[in-house]
């Protein structure tokens, strides 16, 4: 219970919930498409079991991602991917990507479709959530991942339409979400074991702090990452915007 009293835990939980809402909107669409042909009596079961399977799969993937991020240079790769995901959030492609989702009138076939589709679509969520979990440190990472997912999945499944309407009405939410991914990318990059020795640490505070970059460095890297996503995303969006018609 000690981790619930630490502000870092709740900051990371908030980041995970926001990431899952921003990047997980497609999950609600997949669930709806996969379960749309089920009888009314089985539709809620399909949604619940499909969501439960997706949660378990996501936790397993994030566990491995957290383990792999301890390997030198992989955080740098993850940071680059997060920047790319953030840019895609600010300048999305036109393709919906749901044309291949097959519906079924059999309960477990629909559940399988949800779980398999979630596996294919979860790469961005997994990397972003694993990056957010790094801010909690130590043994707090998996508890906050599970807690954050348990809170955010119901929001996605049952509140996705509200979330989508809010994003349409307040585009700033999407911009802030993309910048959040850039922030996580920046803080992840400077904590990679391969480069951490090149940045100043807070070794004067405690021996344990010598293994981490200083708070100033971490915040500066996060700000740079957020601004990088914002600038690249806006440039890409402008280039993709249709040219004005000639009068």
C-alpha atoms as a PDB file:
ATOM      1  CA  UNK A   1       0.000   0.000   0.000  1.00  0.00           C
ATOM      2  CA  UNK A   2       3.003   2.275   0.367  1.00  0.00           C
ATOM      3  CA  UNK A   3       3.138   3.057  -3.357  1.00  0.00           C
ATOM      4  CA  UNK A   4      -0.397   4.518  -3.257  1.00  0.00           C
ATOM      5  CA  UNK A   5       0.917   7.314  -1.022  1.00  0.00           C
ATOM      6  CA  UNK A   6       3.598   8.465  -3.466  1.00  0.00           C
ATOM      7  CA  UNK A   7       2.830  11.262  -5.959  1.00  0.00           C
ATOM      8  CA  UNK A   8       4.942   9.584  -8.676  1.00  0.00           C
ATOM      9  CA  UNK A   9       2.531   6.633  -8.615  1.00  0.00           C
ATOM     10  CA  UNK A  10      -0.533   8.802  -9.237  1.00  0.00           C
ATOM     11  CA  UNK A  11       1.205  10.890 -11.911  1.00  0.00           C
ATOM     12  CA  UNK A  12       2.081   7.687 -13.770  1.00  0.00           C
ATOM     13  CA  UNK A  13      -1.465   6.327 -13.312  1.00  0.00           C
ATOM     14  CA  UNK A  14      -2.861   9.549 -14.765  1.00  0.00           C
ATOM     15  CA  UNK A  15      -0.516   9.274 -17.745  1.00  0.00           C
ATOM     16  CA  UNK A  16      -1.508   5.635 -18.333  1.00  0.00           C
ATOM     17  CA  UNK A  17      -5.221   6.457 -18.238  1.00  0.00           C
ATOM     18  CA  UNK A  18      -4.790   9.352 -20.674  1.00  0.00           C
ATOM     19  CA  UNK A  19      -2.622   7.246 -23.001  1.00  0.00           C
ATOM     20  CA  UNK A  20      -5.137   4.410 -23.020  1.00  0.00           C
ATOM     21  CA  UNK A  21      -8.037   6.771 -23.720  1.00  0.00           C
ATOM     22  CA  UNK A  22      -6.192   8.559 -26.540  1.00  0.00           C
ATOM     23  CA  UNK A  23      -4.657   5.469 -28.150  1.00  0.00           C
ATOM     24  CA  UNK A  24      -7.357   2.968 -27.177  1.00  0.00           C
ATOM     25  CA  UNK A  25     -10.347   4.464 -28.942  1.00  0.00           C
ATOM     26  CA  UNK A  26      -9.942   1.872 -31.700  1.00  0.00           C
ATOM     27  CA  UNK A  27     -10.417  -0.900 -29.137  1.00  0.00           C
ATOM     28  CA  UNK A  28     -14.027   0.128 -28.584  1.00  0.00           C
ATOM     29  CA  UNK A  29     -14.578   0.136 -32.359  1.00  0.00           C
ATOM     30  CA  UNK A  30     -13.025  -3.343 -32.674  1.00  0.00           C
ATOM     31  CA  UNK A  31     -15.212  -4.704 -29.872  1.00  0.00           C
ATOM     32  CA  UNK A  32     -18.334  -3.249 -31.472  1.00  0.00           C
ATOM     33  CA  UNK A  33     -17.481  -4.626 -34.916  1.00  0.00           C
ATOM     34  CA  UNK A  34     -16.551  -8.078 -33.648  1.00  0.00           C
ATOM     35  CA  UNK A  35     -19.671  -8.459 -31.484  1.00  0.00           C
ATOM     36  CA  UNK A  36     -22.254  -6.800 -33.703  1.00  0.00           C
ATOM     37  CA  UNK A  37     -23.670 -10.114 -35.048  1.00  0.00           C
ATOM     38  CA  UNK A  38     -23.980 -11.808 -31.657  1.00  0.00           C
ATOM     39  CA  UNK A  39     -27.504 -12.366 -30.293  1.00  0.00           C
ATOM     40  CA  UNK A  40     -28.594  -9.675 -27.855  1.00  0.00           C
ATOM     41  CA  UNK A  41     -28.342 -12.143 -24.974  1.00  0.00           C
ATOM     42  CA  UNK A  42     -24.658 -12.803 -25.725  1.00  0.00           C
ATOM     43  CA  UNK A  43     -23.489  -9.385 -26.847  1.00  0.00           C
ATOM     44  CA  UNK A  44     -22.623  -8.108 -23.363  1.00  0.00           C
ATOM     45  CA  UNK A  45     -20.828 -11.388 -22.603  1.00  0.00           C
ATOM     46  CA  UNK A  46     -18.770 -10.969 -25.761  1.00  0.00           C
ATOM     47  CA  UNK A  47     -17.843  -7.406 -24.798  1.00  0.00           C
ATOM     48  CA  UNK A  48     -16.910  -8.397 -21.232  1.00  0.00           C
ATOM     49  CA  UNK A  49     -14.902 -11.520 -22.130  1.00  0.00           C
ATOM     50  CA  UNK A  50     -13.213  -9.828 -25.077  1.00  0.00           C
ATOM     51  CA  UNK A  51     -12.243  -6.874 -22.904  1.00  0.00           C
ATOM     52  CA  UNK A  52     -10.999  -9.180 -20.119  1.00  0.00           C
ATOM     53  CA  UNK A  53      -8.842 -11.120 -22.578  1.00  0.00           C
ATOM     54  CA  UNK A  54      -7.464  -7.882 -24.002  1.00  0.00           C
ATOM     55  CA  UNK A  55      -6.576  -6.631 -20.492  1.00  0.00           C
ATOM     56  CA  UNK A  56      -4.733  -9.849 -19.569  1.00  0.00           C
ATOM     57  CA  UNK A  57      -2.848  -9.827 -22.875  1.00  0.00           C
ATOM     58  CA  UNK A  58      -1.934  -6.152 -22.437  1.00  0.00           C
ATOM     59  CA  UNK A  59      -0.558  -6.727 -18.925  1.00  0.00           C
ATOM     60  CA  UNK A  60       1.595  -9.635 -20.174  1.00  0.00           C
ATOM     61  CA  UNK A  61       2.960  -7.577 -23.062  1.00  0.00           C
ATOM     62  CA  UNK A  62       3.719  -4.606 -20.807  1.00  0.00           C
ATOM     63  CA  UNK A  63       5.507  -6.880 -18.322  1.00  0.00           C
ATOM     64  CA  UNK A  64       7.855  -8.031 -21.087  1.00  0.00           C
ATOM     65  CA  UNK A  65       8.229  -4.457 -22.367  1.00  0.00           C
ATOM     66  CA  UNK A  66       9.271  -3.229 -18.912  1.00  0.00           C
ATOM     67  CA  UNK A  67      11.828  -6.041 -18.720  1.00  0.00           C
ATOM     68  CA  UNK A  68      13.204  -5.374 -22.193  1.00  0.00           C
ATOM     69  CA  UNK A  69      13.534  -1.628 -21.548  1.00  0.00           C
ATOM     70  CA  UNK A  70      16.307  -2.429 -19.059  1.00  0.00           C
ATOM     71  CA  UNK A  71      18.496  -3.523 -22.012  1.00  0.00           C
ATOM     72  CA  UNK A  72      20.827  -0.766 -23.314  1.00  0.00           C
ATOM     73  CA  UNK A  73      19.621   1.185 -26.360  1.00  0.00           C
ATOM     74  CA  UNK A  74      16.081  -0.250 -26.287  1.00  0.00           C
ATOM     75  CA  UNK A  75      14.766   2.794 -24.427  1.00  0.00           C
ATOM     76  CA  UNK A  76      16.193   4.954 -27.211  1.00  0.00           C
ATOM     77  CA  UNK A  77      14.303   2.838 -29.757  1.00  0.00           C
ATOM     78  CA  UNK A  78      11.171   3.033 -27.625  1.00  0.00           C
ATOM     79  CA  UNK A  79      11.537   6.810 -27.334  1.00  0.00           C
ATOM     80  CA  UNK A  80      11.809   7.149 -31.118  1.00  0.00           C
ATOM     81  CA  UNK A  81       8.686   5.011 -31.545  1.00  0.00           C
ATOM     82  CA  UNK A  82       6.811   7.153 -29.023  1.00  0.00           C
ATOM     83  CA  UNK A  83       7.712  10.306 -30.943  1.00  0.00           C
ATOM     84  CA  UNK A  84       6.384   8.647 -34.105  1.00  0.00           C
ATOM     85  CA  UNK A  85       3.174   7.587 -32.316  1.00  0.00           C
ATOM     86  CA  UNK A  86       2.726  11.113 -30.967  1.00  0.00           C
ATOM     87  CA  UNK A  87       3.147  12.575 -34.453  1.00  0.00           C
ATOM     88  CA  UNK A  88       0.575  10.102 -35.814  1.00  0.00           C
ATOM     89  CA  UNK A  89      -1.823  11.252 -33.103  1.00  0.00           C
ATOM     90  CA  UNK A  90      -1.459  14.890 -34.221  1.00  0.00           C
ATOM     91  CA  UNK A  91      -1.470  14.050 -37.956  1.00  0.00           C
ATOM     92  CA  UNK A  92      -3.491  10.822 -38.352  1.00  0.00           C
ATOM     93  CA  UNK A  93      -3.714   8.843 -41.574  1.00  0.00           C
ATOM     94  CA  UNK A  94      -7.014   8.762 -43.427  1.00  0.00           C
ATOM     95  CA  UNK A  95      -7.272   4.959 -43.303  1.00  0.00           C
ATOM     96  CA  UNK A  96      -9.475   3.644 -40.525  1.00  0.00           C
ATOM     97  CA  UNK A  97      -7.888   0.190 -40.526  1.00  0.00           C
ATOM     98  CA  UNK A  98     -11.043  -1.630 -39.418  1.00  0.00           C
ATOM     99  CA  UNK A  99     -12.086  -3.126 -42.747  1.00  0.00           C
ATOM    100  CA  UNK A 100     -10.591  -6.525 -41.887  1.00  0.00           C
ATOM    101  CA  UNK A 101     -12.384  -6.932 -38.542  1.00  0.00           C
ATOM    102  CA  UNK A 102     -14.655  -9.946 -38.975  1.00  0.00           C
ATOM    103  CA  UNK A 103     -17.850 -10.196 -36.957  1.00  0.00           C
ATOM    104  CA  UNK A 104     -19.268 -13.530 -35.817  1.00  0.00           C
ATOM    105  CA  UNK A 105     -22.533 -14.878 -34.437  1.00  0.00           C
ATOM    106  CA  UNK A 106     -20.591 -17.266 -32.138  1.00  0.00           C
ATOM    107  CA  UNK A 107     -19.568 -15.944 -28.713  1.00  0.00           C
ATOM    108  CA  UNK A 108     -16.030 -17.340 -28.476  1.00  0.00           C
ATOM    109  CA  UNK A 109     -15.247 -16.590 -32.117  1.00  0.00           C
ATOM    110  CA  UNK A 110     -16.112 -12.944 -31.444  1.00  0.00           C
ATOM    111  CA  UNK A 111     -14.014 -12.960 -28.253  1.00  0.00           C
ATOM    112  CA  UNK A 112     -11.065 -14.416 -30.194  1.00  0.00           C
ATOM    113  CA  UNK A 113     -11.421 -11.698 -32.813  1.00  0.00           C
ATOM    114  CA  UNK A 114     -11.332  -8.993 -30.132  1.00  0.00           C
ATOM    115  CA  UNK A 115      -8.236 -10.454 -28.434  1.00  0.00           C
ATOM    116  CA  UNK A 116      -6.289 -11.052 -31.686  1.00  0.00           C
ATOM    117  CA  UNK A 117      -7.146  -7.596 -33.047  1.00  0.00           C
ATOM    118  CA  UNK A 118      -6.132  -6.015 -29.744  1.00  0.00           C
ATOM    119  CA  UNK A 119      -2.793  -7.843 -29.919  1.00  0.00           C
ATOM    120  CA  UNK A 120      -2.121  -6.406 -33.367  1.00  0.00           C
ATOM    121  CA  UNK A 121      -3.203  -2.903 -32.379  1.00  0.00           C
ATOM    122  CA  UNK A 122      -1.581  -2.761 -28.939  1.00  0.00           C
ATOM    123  CA  UNK A 123       2.026  -2.015 -29.855  1.00  0.00           C
ATOM    124  CA  UNK A 124       1.647   1.740 -29.417  1.00  0.00           C
ATOM    125  CA  UNK A 125      -0.265   1.374 -26.141  1.00  0.00           C
ATOM    126  CA  UNK A 126       2.262  -1.082 -24.718  1.00  0.00           C
ATOM    127  CA  UNK A 127       5.299   1.068 -25.501  1.00  0.00           C
ATOM    128  CA  UNK A 128       3.653   4.252 -24.223  1.00  0.00           C
ATOM    129  CA  UNK A 129       2.352   2.654 -21.009  1.00  0.00           C
ATOM    130  CA  UNK A 130       5.703   0.983 -20.311  1.00  0.00           C
ATOM    131  CA  UNK A 131       7.377   4.373 -20.754  1.00  0.00           C
ATOM    132  CA  UNK A 132       4.911   6.029 -18.378  1.00  0.00           C
ATOM    133  CA  UNK A 133       5.456   3.267 -15.819  1.00  0.00           C
ATOM    134  CA  UNK A 134       9.176   4.057 -15.754  1.00  0.00           C
ATOM    135  CA  UNK A 135       8.429   7.250 -13.823  1.00  0.00           C
ATOM    136  CA  UNK A 136       7.226   5.262 -10.807  1.00  0.00           C
ATOM    137  CA  UNK A 137      10.371   3.166 -10.586  1.00  0.00           C
ATOM    138  CA  UNK A 138      11.164   0.031  -8.619  1.00  0.00           C
ATOM    139  CA  UNK A 139       8.445  -2.416  -7.655  1.00  0.00           C
ATOM    140  CA  UNK A 140       5.679   0.089  -8.316  1.00  0.00           C
ATOM    141  CA  UNK A 141       5.627  -0.379 -12.077  1.00  0.00           C
ATOM    142  CA  UNK A 142       3.375  -3.422 -12.556  1.00  0.00           C
ATOM    143  CA  UNK A 143       0.851  -2.468  -9.825  1.00  0.00           C
ATOM    144  CA  UNK A 144       0.294   0.932 -11.410  1.00  0.00           C
ATOM    145  CA  UNK A 145       0.086  -0.595 -14.909  1.00  0.00           C
ATOM    146  CA  UNK A 146      -2.645  -2.969 -13.763  1.00  0.00           C
ATOM    147  CA  UNK A 147      -4.434  -0.241 -11.796  1.00  0.00           C
ATOM    148  CA  UNK A 148      -4.265   2.204 -14.700  1.00  0.00           C
ATOM    149  CA  UNK A 149      -5.569  -0.374 -17.177  1.00  0.00           C
ATOM    150  CA  UNK A 150      -8.422  -1.442 -14.918  1.00  0.00           C
ATOM    151  CA  UNK A 151      -9.518   2.183 -14.618  1.00  0.00           C
ATOM    152  CA  UNK A 152      -9.094   3.114 -18.282  1.00  0.00           C
ATOM    153  CA  UNK A 153     -10.547   0.033 -20.035  1.00  0.00           C
ATOM    154  CA  UNK A 154     -14.119   0.622 -18.785  1.00  0.00           C
ATOM    155  CA  UNK A 155     -13.786   4.271 -19.845  1.00  0.00           C
ATOM    156  CA  UNK A 156     -12.806   3.139 -23.343  1.00  0.00           C
ATOM    157  CA  UNK A 157     -15.495   0.476 -23.676  1.00  0.00           C
ATOM    158  CA  UNK A 158     -18.454   2.315 -22.192  1.00  0.00           C
ATOM    159  CA  UNK A 159     -17.417   5.939 -22.524  1.00  0.00           C
ATOM    160  CA  UNK A 160     -15.657   5.914 -25.893  1.00  0.00           C
ATOM    161  CA  UNK A 161     -18.366   7.900 -27.656  1.00  0.00           C
ATOM    162  CA  UNK A 162     -18.216  10.639 -25.021  1.00  0.00           C
ATOM    163  CA  UNK A 163     -14.413  10.720 -25.223  1.00  0.00           C
ATOM    164  CA  UNK A 164     -14.522  10.954 -29.024  1.00  0.00           C
ATOM    165  CA  UNK A 165     -17.042  13.810 -28.881  1.00  0.00           C
ATOM    166  CA  UNK A 166     -14.870  15.674 -26.372  1.00  0.00           C
ATOM    167  CA  UNK A 167     -11.827  15.241 -28.622  1.00  0.00           C
ATOM    168  CA  UNK A 168     -13.788  16.525 -31.621  1.00  0.00           C
ATOM    169  CA  UNK A 169     -15.020  19.527 -29.658  1.00  0.00           C
ATOM    170  CA  UNK A 170     -11.719  20.258 -27.904  1.00  0.00           C
ATOM    171  CA  UNK A 171      -8.834  19.340 -30.276  1.00  0.00           C
ATOM    172  CA  UNK A 172      -6.439  20.652 -27.633  1.00  0.00           C
ATOM    173  CA  UNK A 173      -6.949  17.339 -25.794  1.00  0.00           C
ATOM    174  CA  UNK A 174      -5.373  15.447 -28.692  1.00  0.00           C
ATOM    175  CA  UNK A 175      -2.536  17.964 -28.951  1.00  0.00           C
ATOM    176  CA  UNK A 176      -1.788  17.628 -25.236  1.00  0.00           C
ATOM    177  CA  UNK A 177      -1.941  13.850 -25.569  1.00  0.00           C
ATOM    178  CA  UNK A 178       0.612  13.858 -28.375  1.00  0.00           C
ATOM    179  CA  UNK A 179       2.864  16.151 -26.359  1.00  0.00           C
ATOM    180  CA  UNK A 180       2.501  13.803 -23.371  1.00  0.00           C
ATOM    181  CA  UNK A 181       3.874  10.977 -25.505  1.00  0.00           C
ATOM    182  CA  UNK A 182       6.760  13.225 -26.517  1.00  0.00           C
ATOM    183  CA  UNK A 183       7.390  14.047 -22.839  1.00  0.00           C
ATOM    184  CA  UNK A 184       7.520  10.346 -21.969  1.00  0.00           C
ATOM    185  CA  UNK A 185       9.817   9.726 -24.947  1.00  0.00           C
ATOM    186  CA  UNK A 186      12.254  12.388 -23.767  1.00  0.00           C
ATOM    187  CA  UNK A 187      12.385  11.145 -20.187  1.00  0.00           C
ATOM    188  CA  UNK A 188      12.731   7.562 -21.424  1.00  0.00           C
ATOM    189  CA  UNK A 189      15.628   8.407 -23.755  1.00  0.00           C
ATOM    190  CA  UNK A 190      17.836  10.023 -21.105  1.00  0.00           C
ATOM    191  CA  UNK A 191      17.275   7.080 -18.737  1.00  0.00           C
ATOM    192  CA  UNK A 192      18.608   4.496 -21.195  1.00  0.00           C
ATOM    193  CA  UNK A 193      21.481   2.537 -19.590  1.00  0.00           C
ATOM    194  CA  UNK A 194      23.653   3.239 -22.633  1.00  0.00           C
ATOM    195  CA  UNK A 195      23.533   7.040 -22.277  1.00  0.00           C
ATOM    196  CA  UNK A 196      22.660   7.731 -18.652  1.00  0.00           C
ATOM    197  CA  UNK A 197      26.344   8.186 -17.785  1.00  0.00           C
ATOM    198  CA  UNK A 198      26.561  11.230 -20.056  1.00  0.00           C
ATOM    199  CA  UNK A 199      24.010  13.250 -18.070  1.00  0.00           C
ATOM    200  CA  UNK A 200      24.319  14.834 -14.612  1.00  0.00           C
ATOM    201  CA  UNK A 201      22.821  12.945 -11.668  1.00  0.00           C
ATOM    202  CA  UNK A 202      21.668  13.825  -8.164  1.00  0.00           C
ATOM    203  CA  UNK A 203      24.435  11.737  -6.608  1.00  0.00           C
ATOM    204  CA  UNK A 204      24.918  14.365  -3.889  1.00  0.00           C
ATOM    205  CA  UNK A 205      21.428  13.651  -2.526  1.00  0.00           C
ATOM    206  CA  UNK A 206      21.799   9.896  -2.041  1.00  0.00           C
ATOM    207  CA  UNK A 207      23.781   6.918  -3.417  1.00  0.00           C
ATOM    208  CA  UNK A 208      20.633   5.581  -5.092  1.00  0.00           C
ATOM    209  CA  UNK A 209      20.176   8.856  -6.983  1.00  0.00           C
ATOM    210  CA  UNK A 210      23.551   8.352  -8.667  1.00  0.00           C
ATOM    211  CA  UNK A 211      21.957   5.708 -10.910  1.00  0.00           C
ATOM    212  CA  UNK A 212      19.394   8.174 -12.287  1.00  0.00           C
ATOM    213  CA  UNK A 213      19.654  11.417 -14.221  1.00  0.00           C
ATOM    214  CA  UNK A 214      18.922  14.610 -12.331  1.00  0.00           C
ATOM    215  CA  UNK A 215      15.366  15.891 -12.148  1.00  0.00           C
ATOM    216  CA  UNK A 216      16.353  18.983 -14.152  1.00  0.00           C
ATOM    217  CA  UNK A 217      17.763  16.821 -16.948  1.00  0.00           C
ATOM    218  CA  UNK A 218      14.684  14.596 -16.961  1.00  0.00           C
ATOM    219  CA  UNK A 219      12.274  17.538 -17.131  1.00  0.00           C
ATOM    220  CA  UNK A 220      14.336  19.261 -19.824  1.00  0.00           C
ATOM    221  CA  UNK A 221      14.392  16.076 -21.921  1.00  0.00           C
ATOM    222  CA  UNK A 222      10.650  15.688 -21.455  1.00  0.00           C
ATOM    223  CA  UNK A 223      10.007  19.273 -22.560  1.00  0.00           C
ATOM    224  CA  UNK A 224      12.213  18.807 -25.635  1.00  0.00           C
ATOM    225  CA  UNK A 225      10.382  15.592 -26.526  1.00  0.00           C
ATOM    226  CA  UNK A 226       6.974  17.264 -26.134  1.00  0.00           C
ATOM    227  CA  UNK A 227       7.985  20.218 -28.324  1.00  0.00           C
ATOM    228  CA  UNK A 228       9.514  17.861 -30.913  1.00  0.00           C
ATOM    229  CA  UNK A 229       6.241  15.956 -31.293  1.00  0.00           C
ATOM    230  CA  UNK A 230       4.267  19.211 -31.470  1.00  0.00           C
ATOM    231  CA  UNK A 231       6.468  20.754 -34.164  1.00  0.00           C
ATOM    232  CA  UNK A 232       6.788  17.607 -36.328  1.00  0.00           C
ATOM    233  CA  UNK A 233       3.098  16.808 -35.925  1.00  0.00           C
ATOM    234  CA  UNK A 234       2.013  20.286 -36.995  1.00  0.00           C
ATOM    235  CA  UNK A 235       4.400  20.268 -39.979  1.00  0.00           C
ATOM    236  CA  UNK A 236       3.152  16.848 -41.135  1.00  0.00           C
ATOM    237  CA  UNK A 237      -0.473  17.911 -40.658  1.00  0.00           C
ATOM    238  CA  UNK A 238       0.091  21.047 -42.731  1.00  0.00           C
ATOM    239  CA  UNK A 239       1.698  19.043 -45.524  1.00  0.00           C
ATOM    240  CA  UNK A 240      -1.195  16.587 -45.575  1.00  0.00           C
ATOM    241  CA  UNK A 241      -3.817  19.311 -45.580  1.00  0.00           C
ATOM    242  CA  UNK A 242      -5.578  19.612 -48.951  1.00  0.00           C
ATOM    243  CA  UNK A 243      -4.549  22.566 -51.047  1.00  0.00           C
ATOM    244  CA  UNK A 244      -7.151  25.362 -51.223  1.00  0.00           C
ATOM    245  CA  UNK A 245      -9.226  25.287 -54.375  1.00  0.00           C
ATOM    246  CA  UNK A 246      -8.498  27.956 -56.900  1.00  0.00           C
ATOM    247  CA  UNK A 247     -11.202  30.567 -57.237  1.00  0.00           C
END
